[in-house]
């Protein structure tokens, strides 16, 4: 009887640990998987980089919702070419404790989310309190596609 209970517990744990949503990063040219990270409903992640035109840091913030990725806000500290200069309907502009501009209210699904990893400066993924260098993970000039994939049994 103890062996059956142990087997049931082990099977339940294996199911719980493997099923669920994952943020998956793939090579945009070959579809090879770079990494996958367990995520759940409402989790946020961000990608920070130095904007290639205005040369200031920019952070795009996303949320996992209904097994999909939604852009929810962008944070930057300087206006310039290539960054948003007008607030659209439903969006707001506020300033955070560091004086950076925060544009929010996008609430837009991103069925195709892709970045080209910088050759001069890095792109950094922030997830679950950790920062991950996309240059180290994927390589310079790599096309990285992000998706939310649900794995169930």
Protein backbone atom coordinates (compact mmCIF):
# COMPACT_ATOMS: atom_id res chain seq x y z
CA UNK A 1 0.00 0.00 0.00
CA UNK A 2 2.83 2.41 0.86
CA UNK A 3 4.38 1.76 -2.57
CA UNK A 4 1.13 2.71 -4.32
CA UNK A 5 0.80 5.92 -2.30
CA UNK A 6 4.44 6.80 -3.06
CA UNK A 7 3.85 6.16 -6.78
CA UNK A 8 0.75 8.36 -6.79
CA UNK A 9 2.61 11.18 -5.03
CA UNK A 10 5.55 10.88 -7.44
CA UNK A 11 3.23 10.93 -10.48
CA UNK A 12 1.36 13.96 -9.13
CA UNK A 13 4.62 15.82 -8.50
CA UNK A 14 5.94 14.97 -11.96
CA UNK A 15 2.73 16.24 -13.55
CA UNK A 16 2.75 19.42 -11.47
CA UNK A 17 6.40 20.17 -12.20
CA UNK A 18 6.16 19.60 -15.96
CA UNK A 19 2.74 20.90 -16.93
CA UNK A 20 1.91 24.57 -17.17
CA UNK A 21 2.98 27.64 -19.10
CA UNK A 22 6.52 28.34 -20.24
CA UNK A 23 8.13 31.44 -21.66
CA UNK A 24 10.13 29.96 -24.53
CA UNK A 25 12.97 31.68 -26.37
CA UNK A 26 13.79 30.30 -29.83
CA UNK A 27 16.18 31.13 -32.62
CA UNK A 28 14.10 33.05 -35.16
CA UNK A 29 15.96 31.51 -38.09
CA UNK A 30 16.28 27.85 -37.08
CA UNK A 31 13.51 27.52 -34.45
CA UNK A 32 16.07 25.92 -32.09
CA UNK A 33 15.15 26.44 -28.46
CA UNK A 34 17.50 28.65 -26.45
CA UNK A 35 15.68 28.36 -23.12
CA UNK A 36 12.34 27.90 -21.41
CA UNK A 37 11.20 29.38 -18.15
CA UNK A 38 8.19 28.34 -16.10
CA UNK A 39 5.61 31.15 -15.86
CA UNK A 40 2.11 31.48 -14.54
CA UNK A 41 -0.88 33.71 -15.12
CA UNK A 42 -0.06 37.33 -14.29
CA UNK A 43 3.73 36.93 -14.31
CA UNK A 44 5.61 39.87 -15.80
CA UNK A 45 8.90 39.85 -17.65
CA UNK A 46 10.84 42.59 -19.37
CA UNK A 47 13.46 43.11 -22.02
CA UNK A 48 15.89 46.00 -21.53
CA UNK A 49 18.25 47.33 -24.16
CA UNK A 50 19.99 50.49 -25.28
CA UNK A 51 17.93 51.96 -28.09
CA UNK A 52 19.99 51.91 -31.28
CA UNK A 53 18.91 55.37 -32.40
CA UNK A 54 18.43 57.52 -29.28
CA UNK A 55 21.17 55.65 -27.31
CA UNK A 56 19.26 55.50 -24.00
CA UNK A 57 17.96 52.50 -22.04
CA UNK A 58 14.48 51.29 -22.92
CA UNK A 59 12.55 48.57 -21.11
CA UNK A 60 9.54 46.78 -22.59
CA UNK A 61 7.36 45.06 -19.97
CA UNK A 62 5.11 42.10 -20.79
CA UNK A 63 2.56 40.02 -18.91
CA UNK A 64 1.51 36.39 -19.27
CA UNK A 65 -2.26 36.25 -19.67
CA UNK A 66 -4.44 33.39 -20.98
CA UNK A 67 -1.32 31.50 -22.22
CA UNK A 68 -0.32 34.54 -24.29
CA UNK A 69 2.11 37.46 -24.08
CA UNK A 70 0.73 41.00 -23.70
CA UNK A 71 2.76 44.21 -23.79
CA UNK A 72 1.69 46.37 -20.87
CA UNK A 73 4.19 49.23 -20.53
CA UNK A 74 7.42 50.75 -21.80
CA UNK A 75 9.95 52.57 -19.66
CA UNK A 76 12.47 55.06 -21.03
CA UNK A 77 14.30 58.10 -19.79
CA UNK A 78 14.71 60.31 -22.81
CA UNK A 79 12.69 61.34 -25.81
CA UNK A 80 14.39 60.89 -29.14
CA UNK A 81 14.19 59.36 -32.55
CA UNK A 82 12.67 55.92 -32.58
CA UNK A 83 10.72 56.11 -29.31
CA UNK A 84 7.09 56.93 -28.71
CA UNK A 85 6.45 60.68 -28.66
CA UNK A 86 2.66 60.76 -28.44
CA UNK A 87 0.26 59.13 -26.00
CA UNK A 88 -2.53 57.24 -27.73
CA UNK A 89 -6.09 56.67 -26.49
CA UNK A 90 -6.13 54.55 -23.35
CA UNK A 91 -2.44 55.10 -22.62
CA UNK A 92 -0.93 57.11 -19.77
CA UNK A 93 2.43 58.74 -19.17
CA UNK A 94 3.76 58.74 -15.61
CA UNK A 95 7.19 59.04 -14.03
CA UNK A 96 8.71 56.43 -11.74
CA UNK A 97 10.85 56.98 -8.64
CA UNK A 98 13.96 57.29 -10.85
CA UNK A 99 12.38 59.99 -13.02
CA UNK A 100 11.98 57.62 -15.96
CA UNK A 101 8.96 57.92 -18.23
CA UNK A 102 6.50 55.04 -18.04
CA UNK A 103 3.99 54.69 -20.85
CA UNK A 104 1.29 52.19 -19.92
CA UNK A 105 -2.13 51.14 -21.10
CA UNK A 106 -1.03 49.20 -24.18
CA UNK A 107 -2.77 45.96 -23.13
CA UNK A 108 -1.99 44.44 -26.53
CA UNK A 109 -1.45 40.77 -27.31
CA UNK A 110 1.91 40.06 -28.94
CA UNK A 111 1.39 36.91 -31.04
CA UNK A 112 4.79 37.55 -32.61
CA UNK A 113 7.45 38.97 -30.29
CA UNK A 114 11.00 39.13 -31.57
CA UNK A 115 14.22 40.96 -30.77
CA UNK A 116 17.58 41.11 -32.51
CA UNK A 117 20.24 40.84 -29.80
CA UNK A 118 22.55 43.83 -29.86
CA UNK A 119 26.04 43.74 -31.26
CA UNK A 120 27.18 46.88 -29.43
CA UNK A 121 25.06 46.62 -26.28
CA UNK A 122 23.25 43.67 -24.74
CA UNK A 123 19.57 42.86 -24.40
CA UNK A 124 18.63 41.71 -20.91
CA UNK A 125 15.65 39.53 -19.98
CA UNK A 126 14.32 40.13 -16.46
CA UNK A 127 12.11 37.36 -15.10
CA UNK A 128 11.35 36.17 -11.56
CA UNK A 129 13.83 38.65 -10.06
CA UNK A 130 16.72 37.46 -12.24
CA UNK A 131 18.44 39.17 -15.15
CA UNK A 132 19.58 37.05 -18.08
CA UNK A 133 21.94 38.33 -20.76
CA UNK A 134 20.49 37.47 -24.16
CA UNK A 135 23.93 38.00 -25.65
CA UNK A 136 25.32 35.25 -23.40
CA UNK A 137 22.29 32.99 -23.90
CA UNK A 138 21.70 33.45 -27.63
CA UNK A 139 24.69 35.26 -29.12
CA UNK A 140 25.20 38.66 -30.72
CA UNK A 141 22.92 39.56 -33.60
CA UNK A 142 20.66 36.55 -32.93
CA UNK A 143 17.00 36.83 -33.78
CA UNK A 144 15.17 35.72 -30.63
CA UNK A 145 11.48 34.89 -30.74
CA UNK A 146 9.48 34.80 -27.50
CA UNK A 147 6.34 32.71 -27.03
CA UNK A 148 4.19 31.41 -24.22
CA UNK A 149 3.71 27.69 -24.62
CA UNK A 150 1.38 25.55 -22.56
CA UNK A 151 2.51 22.05 -21.75
CA UNK A 152 -0.09 19.71 -20.35
CA UNK A 153 -0.54 15.97 -20.08
